[in-house]
Protein backbone atom coordinates (compact mmCIF):
# COMPACT_ATOMS: atom_id res chain seq x y z
CA UNK A 1 -57.10 -25.36 32.64
CA UNK A 2 -53.84 -26.86 31.41
CA UNK A 3 -50.47 -25.17 31.71
CA UNK A 4 -49.63 -26.21 28.14
CA UNK A 5 -51.63 -27.50 25.20
CA UNK A 6 -49.59 -28.82 22.27
CA UNK A 7 -51.30 -28.94 18.88
CA UNK A 8 -49.61 -31.77 16.99
CA UNK A 9 -48.02 -35.04 18.07
CA UNK A 10 -44.95 -35.01 15.82
CA UNK A 11 -41.34 -34.83 17.04
CA UNK A 12 -41.55 -31.19 18.19
CA UNK A 13 -44.89 -31.72 19.94
CA UNK A 14 -44.08 -35.00 21.67
CA UNK A 15 -40.64 -33.94 22.88
CA UNK A 16 -42.13 -30.65 24.14
CA UNK A 17 -44.82 -32.59 26.00
CA UNK A 18 -42.21 -34.80 27.64
CA UNK A 19 -39.95 -31.92 28.69
CA UNK A 20 -42.69 -29.65 30.03
CA UNK A 21 -44.31 -32.50 31.97
CA UNK A 22 -40.89 -33.43 33.35
CA UNK A 23 -40.63 -29.87 34.68
CA UNK A 24 -43.92 -30.23 36.56
CA UNK A 25 -46.36 -28.67 34.04
CA UNK A 26 -49.83 -30.01 33.26
CA UNK A 27 -49.58 -30.84 29.56
CA UNK A 28 -52.06 -32.01 26.95
CA UNK A 29 -50.78 -33.11 23.53
CA UNK A 30 -53.42 -33.32 20.80
CA UNK A 31 -52.73 -35.50 17.73
CA UNK A 32 -55.26 -35.52 14.90
CA UNK A 33 -54.52 -39.09 13.75
CA UNK A 34 -55.46 -42.30 15.55
CA UNK A 35 -51.84 -43.51 15.59
CA UNK A 36 -48.34 -42.38 14.65
CA UNK A 37 -47.97 -44.71 11.68
CA UNK A 38 -47.14 -42.68 8.56
CA UNK A 39 -45.01 -44.14 5.81
CA UNK A 40 -42.18 -42.04 4.37
CA UNK A 41 -42.11 -39.54 7.19
CA UNK A 42 -38.66 -38.30 8.10
CA UNK A 43 -36.83 -40.95 10.10
CA UNK A 44 -33.24 -39.78 10.42
CA UNK A 45 -32.42 -39.34 14.11
CA UNK A 46 -29.15 -37.46 14.15
CA UNK A 47 -26.40 -37.38 16.82
CA UNK A 48 -27.66 -33.99 18.05
CA UNK A 49 -31.03 -35.54 18.95
CA UNK A 50 -29.40 -38.54 20.58
CA UNK A 51 -27.33 -36.14 22.71
CA UNK A 52 -30.64 -34.81 24.07
CA UNK A 53 -31.82 -38.35 24.81
CA UNK A 54 -28.53 -39.05 26.58
CA UNK A 55 -28.97 -35.94 28.74
CA UNK A 56 -32.41 -37.24 29.70
CA UNK A 57 -31.02 -40.70 30.52
CA UNK A 58 -33.02 -42.27 27.66
CA UNK A 59 -30.46 -43.08 24.97
CA UNK A 60 -29.81 -46.71 25.90
CA UNK A 61 -33.52 -47.50 25.91
CA UNK A 62 -34.03 -45.60 22.67
CA UNK A 63 -31.37 -47.63 20.87
CA UNK A 64 -33.13 -50.84 21.85
CA UNK A 65 -35.84 -49.89 19.35
CA UNK A 66 -35.48 -51.28 15.80
CA UNK A 67 -33.11 -49.13 13.77
CA UNK A 68 -30.15 -49.16 11.43
CA UNK A 69 -27.06 -46.99 11.69
CA UNK A 70 -25.35 -44.77 9.16
CA UNK A 71 -21.97 -43.20 9.88
CA UNK A 72 -21.02 -42.12 6.37
CA UNK A 73 -22.31 -41.07 2.98
CA UNK A 74 -21.43 -42.10 -0.57
CA UNK A 75 -22.19 -40.51 -3.90
CA UNK A 76 -22.27 -42.37 -7.21
CA UNK A 77 -21.17 -39.88 -9.81
CA UNK A 78 -19.36 -40.07 -13.15
CA UNK A 79 -19.39 -43.85 -13.10
CA UNK A 80 -17.89 -44.48 -9.68
CA UNK A 81 -18.56 -44.23 -5.93
CA UNK A 82 -17.16 -41.35 -3.88
CA UNK A 83 -17.04 -41.10 -0.08
CA UNK A 84 -18.21 -37.62 0.90
CA UNK A 85 -19.15 -37.71 4.60
CA UNK A 86 -18.03 -39.32 7.88
CA UNK A 87 -19.79 -39.07 11.25
CA UNK A 88 -17.83 -41.82 13.02
CA UNK A 89 -15.31 -39.41 14.58
CA UNK A 90 -17.84 -37.10 16.21
CA UNK A 91 -17.26 -36.64 19.95
CA UNK A 92 -20.81 -37.46 20.98
CA UNK A 93 -22.57 -40.40 22.67
CA UNK A 94 -23.93 -41.73 19.34
CA UNK A 95 -21.66 -40.80 16.40
CA UNK A 96 -24.06 -42.03 13.72
CA UNK A 97 -27.48 -41.39 12.24
CA UNK A 98 -30.10 -43.78 13.59
CA UNK A 99 -32.50 -44.73 10.82
CA UNK A 100 -35.69 -45.39 12.75
CA UNK A 101 -39.28 -45.17 11.49
CA UNK A 102 -40.79 -42.01 12.88
CA UNK A 103 -43.63 -43.95 14.49
CA UNK A 104 -41.03 -45.86 16.54
CA UNK A 105 -39.45 -42.60 17.67
CA UNK A 106 -42.81 -41.10 18.62
CA UNK A 107 -43.96 -44.28 20.35
CA UNK A 108 -40.76 -44.19 22.40
CA UNK A 109 -41.21 -40.55 23.43
CA UNK A 110 -44.85 -41.26 24.36
CA UNK A 111 -43.87 -44.27 26.49
CA UNK A 112 -41.41 -42.09 28.42
CA UNK A 113 -43.73 -39.09 28.69
CA UNK A 114 -46.66 -41.02 30.19
CA UNK A 115 -44.47 -41.78 33.19
CA UNK A 116 -44.98 -38.16 34.29
CA UNK A 117 -48.14 -37.32 36.17
CA UNK A 118 -48.75 -34.09 34.27
CA UNK A 119 -48.64 -35.58 30.78
CA UNK A 120 -51.73 -36.46 28.79
CA UNK A 121 -52.03 -37.46 25.14
CA UNK A 122 -55.25 -37.50 23.11
CA UNK A 123 -55.28 -39.20 19.71
CA UNK A 124 -57.92 -38.58 17.02
CA UNK A 125 -58.19 -35.03 18.35
CA UNK A 126 -57.76 -32.59 15.44
CA UNK A 127 -57.41 -28.94 16.38
CA UNK A 128 -59.79 -26.85 14.26
CA UNK A 129 -58.73 -23.41 15.51
CA UNK A 130 -57.02 -21.52 18.28
CA UNK A 131 -59.04 -19.61 20.84
CA UNK A 132 -57.92 -16.14 19.83
CA UNK A 133 -59.62 -12.93 20.91
CA UNK A 134 -57.35 -10.85 18.70
CA UNK A 135 -54.95 -10.04 21.51
CA UNK A 136 -53.92 -13.40 22.91
CA UNK A 137 -54.48 -17.12 22.44
CA UNK A 138 -56.07 -18.93 25.38
CA UNK A 139 -56.33 -22.50 24.07
CA UNK A 140 -57.80 -24.51 21.20
CA UNK A 141 -61.09 -25.56 19.67
CA UNK A 142 -61.28 -29.16 18.45
CA UNK A 143 -63.04 -30.38 15.35
CA UNK A 144 -66.04 -31.50 17.41
CA UNK A 145 -66.45 -27.99 18.86
CA UNK A 146 -64.92 -28.81 22.25
CA UNK A 147 -62.90 -25.93 23.72
CA UNK A 148 -59.82 -26.42 25.90
CA UNK A 149 -58.06 -23.68 27.87
CA UNK A 150 -54.32 -23.33 28.52
CA UNK A 151 -51.88 -20.75 29.81
CA UNK A 152 -49.69 -21.46 26.78
CA UNK A 153 -50.48 -23.11 23.46
CA UNK A 154 -47.73 -24.65 21.38
CA UNK A 155 -48.29 -24.92 17.62
CA UNK A 156 -46.43 -28.06 16.54
CA UNK A 157 -48.84 -29.06 13.78
CA UNK A 158 -46.43 -29.08 10.85
CA UNK A 159 -45.86 -27.06 7.71
CA UNK A 160 -49.61 -26.63 7.16
CA UNK A 161 -50.09 -25.30 10.68
CA UNK A 162 -53.10 -23.22 11.59
CA UNK A 163 -50.69 -20.62 12.92
CA UNK A 164 -49.70 -19.78 9.34
CA UNK A 165 -53.06 -18.07 8.92
CA UNK A 166 -52.26 -15.84 11.91
CA UNK A 167 -48.60 -14.88 11.53
CA UNK A 168 -46.62 -13.67 8.50
CA UNK A 169 -44.71 -16.30 6.48
CA UNK A 170 -41.54 -15.74 4.47
CA UNK A 171 -41.42 -18.09 1.47
CA UNK A 172 -37.95 -18.99 0.21
CA UNK A 173 -39.14 -21.17 -2.67
CA UNK A 174 -38.17 -24.65 -3.80
CA UNK A 175 -36.94 -26.04 -7.10
CA UNK A 176 -37.58 -29.69 -6.26
CA UNK A 177 -40.14 -32.26 -5.20
CA UNK A 178 -39.46 -35.83 -4.06
CA UNK A 179 -41.06 -39.17 -4.93
CA UNK A 180 -40.57 -41.70 -2.12
CA UNK A 181 -40.67 -45.45 -2.60
CA UNK A 182 -39.11 -48.58 -1.16
CA UNK A 183 -37.29 -51.52 -2.72
CA UNK A 184 -36.36 -54.84 -1.13
CA UNK A 185 -32.63 -55.39 -0.69
CA UNK A 186 -31.02 -58.39 -2.32
CA UNK A 187 -30.37 -61.24 0.17
CA UNK A 188 -26.88 -61.07 1.64
CA UNK A 189 -26.24 -57.58 0.31
CA UNK A 190 -25.09 -56.36 3.73
CA UNK A 191 -25.19 -52.79 5.06
CA UNK A 192 -25.42 -50.10 2.43
CA UNK A 193 -25.42 -46.84 4.39
CA UNK A 194 -26.54 -43.71 2.61
CA UNK A 195 -26.03 -43.47 -1.15
CA UNK A 196 -26.62 -40.78 -3.69
CA UNK A 197 -26.90 -41.67 -7.38
CA UNK A 198 -26.47 -38.76 -9.76
CA UNK A 199 -26.61 -38.45 -13.54
CA UNK A 200 -27.62 -35.47 -15.60
CA UNK A 201 -31.38 -35.14 -15.28
CA UNK A 202 -31.87 -37.63 -12.41
CA UNK A 203 -30.98 -37.77 -8.70
CA UNK A 204 -31.78 -40.82 -6.55
CA UNK A 205 -30.97 -41.05 -2.83
CA UNK A 206 -31.01 -44.53 -1.23
CA UNK A 207 -31.23 -44.99 2.54
CA UNK A 208 -30.40 -48.39 3.99
CA UNK A 209 -33.25 -49.69 6.17
CA UNK A 210 -31.83 -53.22 6.74
CA UNK A 211 -34.45 -55.23 4.83
CA UNK A 212 -35.10 -52.60 2.16
CA UNK A 213 -33.93 -49.39 0.54
CA UNK A 214 -35.94 -46.28 1.26
CA UNK A 215 -35.53 -44.30 -1.95
CA UNK A 216 -36.01 -40.60 -2.69
CA UNK A 217 -36.23 -39.74 -6.37
CA UNK A 218 -35.71 -36.00 -6.76
CA UNK A 219 -37.66 -34.29 -9.54
CA UNK A 220 -38.13 -30.69 -10.69
CA UNK A 221 -40.81 -28.75 -8.86
CA UNK A 222 -44.26 -29.50 -10.22
CA UNK A 223 -43.09 -32.29 -12.55
CA UNK A 224 -44.74 -35.17 -10.65
CA UNK A 225 -48.12 -35.23 -12.43
CA UNK A 226 -46.61 -35.30 -15.91
CA UNK A 227 -44.14 -38.02 -14.93
CA UNK A 228 -46.64 -40.26 -13.15
CA UNK A 229 -49.23 -39.94 -15.91
CA UNK A 230 -46.82 -41.71 -18.26
CA UNK A 231 -47.14 -44.95 -16.29
CA UNK A 232 -44.94 -47.13 -14.14
CA UNK A 233 -42.80 -48.50 -17.00
CA UNK A 234 -41.77 -44.99 -17.98
CA UNK A 235 -41.08 -44.05 -14.34
CA UNK A 236 -38.90 -47.12 -13.87
CA UNK A 237 -36.92 -46.17 -16.95
CA UNK A 238 -36.30 -42.65 -15.66
CA UNK A 239 -35.18 -43.94 -12.27
CA UNK A 240 -32.97 -46.58 -13.90
CA UNK A 241 -31.02 -43.80 -15.59
CA UNK A 242 -29.77 -42.74 -12.16
CA UNK A 243 -29.18 -46.27 -10.79
CA UNK A 244 -28.83 -48.74 -13.67
CA UNK A 245 -27.71 -51.56 -11.34
CA UNK A 246 -30.76 -51.25 -9.07
CA UNK A 247 -33.45 -53.93 -9.33
CA UNK A 248 -36.66 -51.95 -9.85
CA UNK A 249 -38.95 -54.96 -10.29
CA UNK A 250 -40.42 -54.31 -6.84
CA UNK A 251 -41.71 -50.94 -8.02
CA UNK A 252 -44.90 -52.33 -9.50
CA UNK A 253 -47.48 -49.54 -9.57
CA UNK A 254 -47.79 -45.77 -9.55
CA UNK A 255 -49.38 -46.03 -6.10
CA UNK A 256 -46.03 -47.32 -4.79
CA UNK A 257 -44.67 -43.77 -5.15
CA UNK A 258 -45.54 -41.11 -2.56
CA UNK A 259 -45.12 -37.45 -3.44
CA UNK A 260 -43.50 -35.02 -1.01
CA UNK A 261 -44.16 -31.48 -2.19
CA UNK A 262 -41.07 -29.69 -0.94
CA UNK A 263 -41.47 -26.25 0.62
CA UNK A 264 -38.90 -23.99 2.19
CA UNK A 265 -40.24 -21.18 4.35
CA UNK A 266 -40.40 -19.80 7.88
CA UNK A 267 -42.57 -17.60 10.03
CA UNK A 268 -41.23 -14.08 10.38
CA UNK A 269 -42.64 -14.09 13.90
CA UNK A 270 -43.08 -17.37 15.77
CA UNK A 271 -45.31 -16.16 18.58
CA UNK A 272 -48.07 -13.97 19.85
CA UNK A 273 -49.31 -13.69 23.44
CA UNK A 274 -50.31 -17.17 24.62
CA UNK A 275 -48.98 -18.95 21.51
CA UNK A 276 -45.60 -20.23 20.26
CA UNK A 277 -44.81 -22.13 17.04
CA UNK A 278 -42.01 -24.72 16.87
CA UNK A 279 -40.71 -27.29 14.38
CA UNK A 280 -42.16 -27.34 10.87
CA UNK A 281 -44.96 -25.03 11.99
CA UNK A 282 -42.31 -22.33 12.47
CA UNK A 283 -39.97 -23.35 9.63
CA UNK A 284 -40.63 -25.83 6.83
CA UNK A 285 -37.36 -27.46 5.77
CA UNK A 286 -36.23 -29.18 2.61
CA UNK A 287 -35.43 -32.91 2.99
CA UNK A 288 -31.80 -32.14 2.05
CA UNK A 289 -29.63 -33.42 4.89
CA UNK A 290 -32.59 -34.97 6.69
CA UNK A 291 -32.39 -32.32 9.41
CA UNK A 292 -36.11 -31.60 9.93
CA UNK A 293 -36.73 -33.88 12.93
CA UNK A 294 -33.58 -32.75 14.63
CA UNK A 295 -34.29 -29.03 14.26
CA UNK A 296 -37.77 -29.67 15.64
CA UNK A 297 -36.33 -31.44 18.70
CA UNK A 298 -33.84 -28.61 19.25
CA UNK A 299 -36.75 -26.12 19.15
CA UNK A 300 -38.59 -28.16 21.76
CA UNK A 301 -35.57 -28.19 24.07
CA UNK A 302 -35.03 -24.44 23.67
CA UNK A 303 -38.71 -23.78 24.45
CA UNK A 304 -38.65 -25.97 27.56
CA UNK A 305 -35.38 -24.47 28.77
CA UNK A 306 -36.81 -20.95 28.62
CA UNK A 307 -40.47 -21.48 29.46
CA UNK A 308 -41.09 -24.67 31.46
CA UNK A 309 -39.96 -23.47 34.89
CA UNK A 310 -41.85 -20.14 34.83
CA UNK A 311 -44.91 -21.87 33.38
CA UNK A 312 -44.92 -24.46 36.18
CA UNK A 313 -44.51 -21.64 38.71
CA UNK A 314 -47.41 -19.66 37.24
CA UNK A 315 -45.24 -16.72 36.15
CA UNK A 316 -46.14 -14.54 33.13
CA UNK A 317 -44.69 -15.86 29.86
CA UNK A 318 -45.49 -13.35 27.12
CA UNK A 319 -42.23 -11.43 27.43
CA UNK A 320 -40.26 -14.70 27.19
CA UNK A 321 -41.78 -16.15 24.02
CA UNK A 322 -39.64 -14.08 21.68
CA UNK A 323 -36.50 -15.42 23.38
CA UNK A 324 -37.16 -18.87 21.93
CA UNK A 325 -37.33 -17.49 18.40
CA UNK A 326 -34.15 -15.45 18.96
CA UNK A 327 -32.37 -18.57 20.16
CA UNK A 328 -33.47 -20.76 17.25
CA UNK A 329 -33.54 -18.29 14.35
CA UNK A 330 -29.82 -18.40 13.56
CA UNK A 331 -29.60 -22.16 12.91
CA UNK A 332 -32.89 -22.00 11.01
CA UNK A 333 -31.67 -19.26 8.72
CA UNK A 334 -28.25 -20.82 8.13
CA UNK A 335 -29.60 -24.30 7.35
CA UNK A 336 -32.38 -22.99 5.12
CA UNK A 337 -29.87 -20.83 3.25
CA UNK A 338 -27.64 -23.87 2.72
CA UNK A 339 -30.60 -25.95 1.53
CA UNK A 340 -31.70 -23.18 -0.83
CA UNK A 341 -28.18 -22.92 -2.23
CA UNK A 342 -27.95 -26.68 -2.71
CA UNK A 343 -31.31 -26.74 -4.50
CA UNK A 344 -30.45 -23.89 -6.84
CA UNK A 345 -26.75 -24.38 -7.53
CA UNK A 346 -26.38 -28.15 -7.32
CA UNK A 347 -29.54 -30.26 -7.50
CA UNK A 348 -31.42 -27.90 -9.77
CA UNK A 349 -28.51 -27.88 -12.23
CA UNK A 350 -28.25 -31.68 -12.15
CA UNK A 351 -31.94 -32.03 -12.97
CA UNK A 352 -31.53 -30.06 -16.16
CA UNK A 353 -31.52 -32.41 -19.19
CA UNK A 354 -28.35 -32.48 -21.19
CA UNK A 355 -25.04 -34.25 -21.69
CA UNK A 356 -23.96 -36.87 -19.13
CA UNK A 357 -21.66 -35.90 -16.26
CA UNK A 358 -18.16 -36.91 -17.30
CA UNK A 359 -16.27 -35.96 -14.15
CA UNK A 360 -16.89 -35.27 -10.46
CA UNK A 361 -16.55 -31.74 -9.04
CA UNK A 362 -13.28 -30.90 -7.30
CA UNK A 363 -14.91 -30.82 -3.84
CA UNK A 364 -16.23 -34.36 -4.30
CA UNK A 365 -12.76 -35.57 -5.24
CA UNK A 366 -11.20 -33.82 -2.24
CA UNK A 367 -13.71 -35.34 0.18
CA UNK A 368 -13.11 -38.79 -1.26
CA UNK A 369 -9.31 -38.49 -1.01
CA UNK A 370 -9.09 -36.86 2.44
CA UNK A 371 -10.72 -38.80 5.29
CA UNK A 372 -10.26 -35.88 7.70
CA UNK A 373 -12.01 -33.53 5.31
CA UNK A 374 -15.04 -35.83 5.24
CA UNK A 375 -15.56 -35.08 8.93
CA UNK A 376 -16.67 -31.51 8.11
CA UNK A 377 -19.94 -32.39 6.30
CA UNK A 378 -20.39 -35.18 8.85
CA UNK A 379 -20.27 -32.68 11.68
CA UNK A 380 -22.57 -30.18 9.98
CA UNK A 381 -25.20 -32.84 9.24
CA UNK A 382 -24.80 -34.74 12.50
CA UNK A 383 -24.61 -31.90 15.02
CA UNK A 384 -25.73 -28.78 13.17
CA UNK A 385 -25.44 -25.30 14.66
CA UNK A 386 -26.16 -24.09 18.19
CA UNK A 387 -26.96 -27.47 19.73
CA UNK A 388 -29.31 -27.26 22.67
CA UNK A 389 -28.61 -28.87 26.00
CA UNK A 390 -31.42 -29.82 28.38
CA UNK A 391 -31.43 -27.23 31.17
CA UNK A 392 -35.04 -27.47 32.27
CA UNK A 393 -34.90 -29.39 35.55
CA UNK A 394 -37.09 -32.31 36.54
CA UNK A 395 -39.70 -31.43 39.13
CA UNK A 396 -39.57 -33.56 42.26
CA UNK A 397 -43.32 -34.16 42.02
CA UNK A 398 -43.57 -34.69 38.27
CA UNK A 399 -42.84 -38.41 38.13
CA UNK A 400 -45.95 -40.55 38.46
CA UNK A 401 -46.05 -43.49 40.82
CA UNK A 402 -49.12 -44.76 38.98
CA UNK A 403 -49.15 -47.22 36.12
CA UNK A 404 -48.28 -45.32 32.91
CA UNK A 405 -51.39 -44.54 30.87
CA UNK A 406 -52.03 -44.00 27.17
CA UNK A 407 -54.96 -41.75 26.47
CA UNK A 408 -56.89 -42.03 23.24
C-alpha cells in the first residue's frame, strides 16, 4: 500500500508528488498520457511559483531550462499602446513571469522528484475510478482493471476530474472561449513581452515565446464552430481586425487553431474521507491572468504542509483534509470572482459588435501614466493572494542514494 496515490501528472499532481516524497511518504503519481507534451497548455510560471522553487533550493536549476521572461504587460487600444502592468519591482527571487512550455516544467519537477526514494511515476496509466465504498476512498482502479491501495488519494486530474461525479460542483459560468495558435516572429523583432490587442468585437492576446508568438484569440462562448466553419481566410480577417499589423500568413489551416472551452467553477467540498482534490480538479479557472498553474502549485504546497508529516507518521488524516480547503478557498473565490467580473464587464462587452473604440478607459490611462500604479496589477498577477511557503520538512531518509529512475 502507498501512503499517497496522485491521479494526474499535471502541475498540482507532480508538485504534490515531489513534496510528499520529500517528507518521507511513499508516493505514486499516475499520468494517463505517455509523455507531458501538450501544445497550448498553460505555461506561465509566476513569481509565486518560483518563490516555492527557491524555498526548495531548485530555482537556479529551473531557470536553466528554456524559457522567456515577461516583467510587464501592454495593451493596444484606441490606436496606441498602453503600459498597464509591471512586475519588475516585486520583492521576490524572480520578479518576472517565466514563459516555459508546461512539458518543460513538468519534466523538471519529475527530474527532481525521482531523486527521492519514495517517489514513483507511472505514465500511460489512466485512472478509471476511485475505490470508494460509499464512506471512504481507499485508492484507484486503472483502465486495465488493476487496483492500487493508498492511505490518501489526491485527485489532480484536471477540470474533467472523476471527483466531479462524487462531490457537488458550483458553476460560475463563462462568457468566452479561446482559440490558441502560434505565429513566427519576424527576424530581429526582439523581445515583445505580453501584449493585448483590443478592438470592438475582437480581443487578441500575444505572448512572446522568443521564436514565435503564442496567440489567444478570445471569442464569445460557443461561437467557435460557426467561426471555424467559414474557413481560414475568414478567420484571418477576423483576427486581423484586432491586430492589423500582424503577419498572419503563418496561420494556414483551420487545424492550426486549438479550441479551449473556458469553464469557471469549483467544488463546494474538496474532500471526503481518503480523498482530496487540488488544482483544476477542485477549481477550474479562466485563462485570464494565466494564474491556473500557480494556484495549482499553491494548493499542492498547502496540502503537503498540512498532511505530509502526519501521513508519513501513519497518523489519521480525515479530520485534516478540510483544513486544506479552508486554507485555499479564499484565494480561489477572490480570483474566480475577479475573472468572472472581467469576463462579464470588460471582455464580454468588448466582444459585442458595434462602433470602434475611440478612447481608452480612465484606468488604462492612469496605469500608463503612473509607473508606480502599474505595480498593483503586477503584484496581483505575480504573487496573488495568500502565498504559501513550504513548511513540510524534508525527511532525513527520503533522499535516494540510488541512480534516479523514471518509471513508465
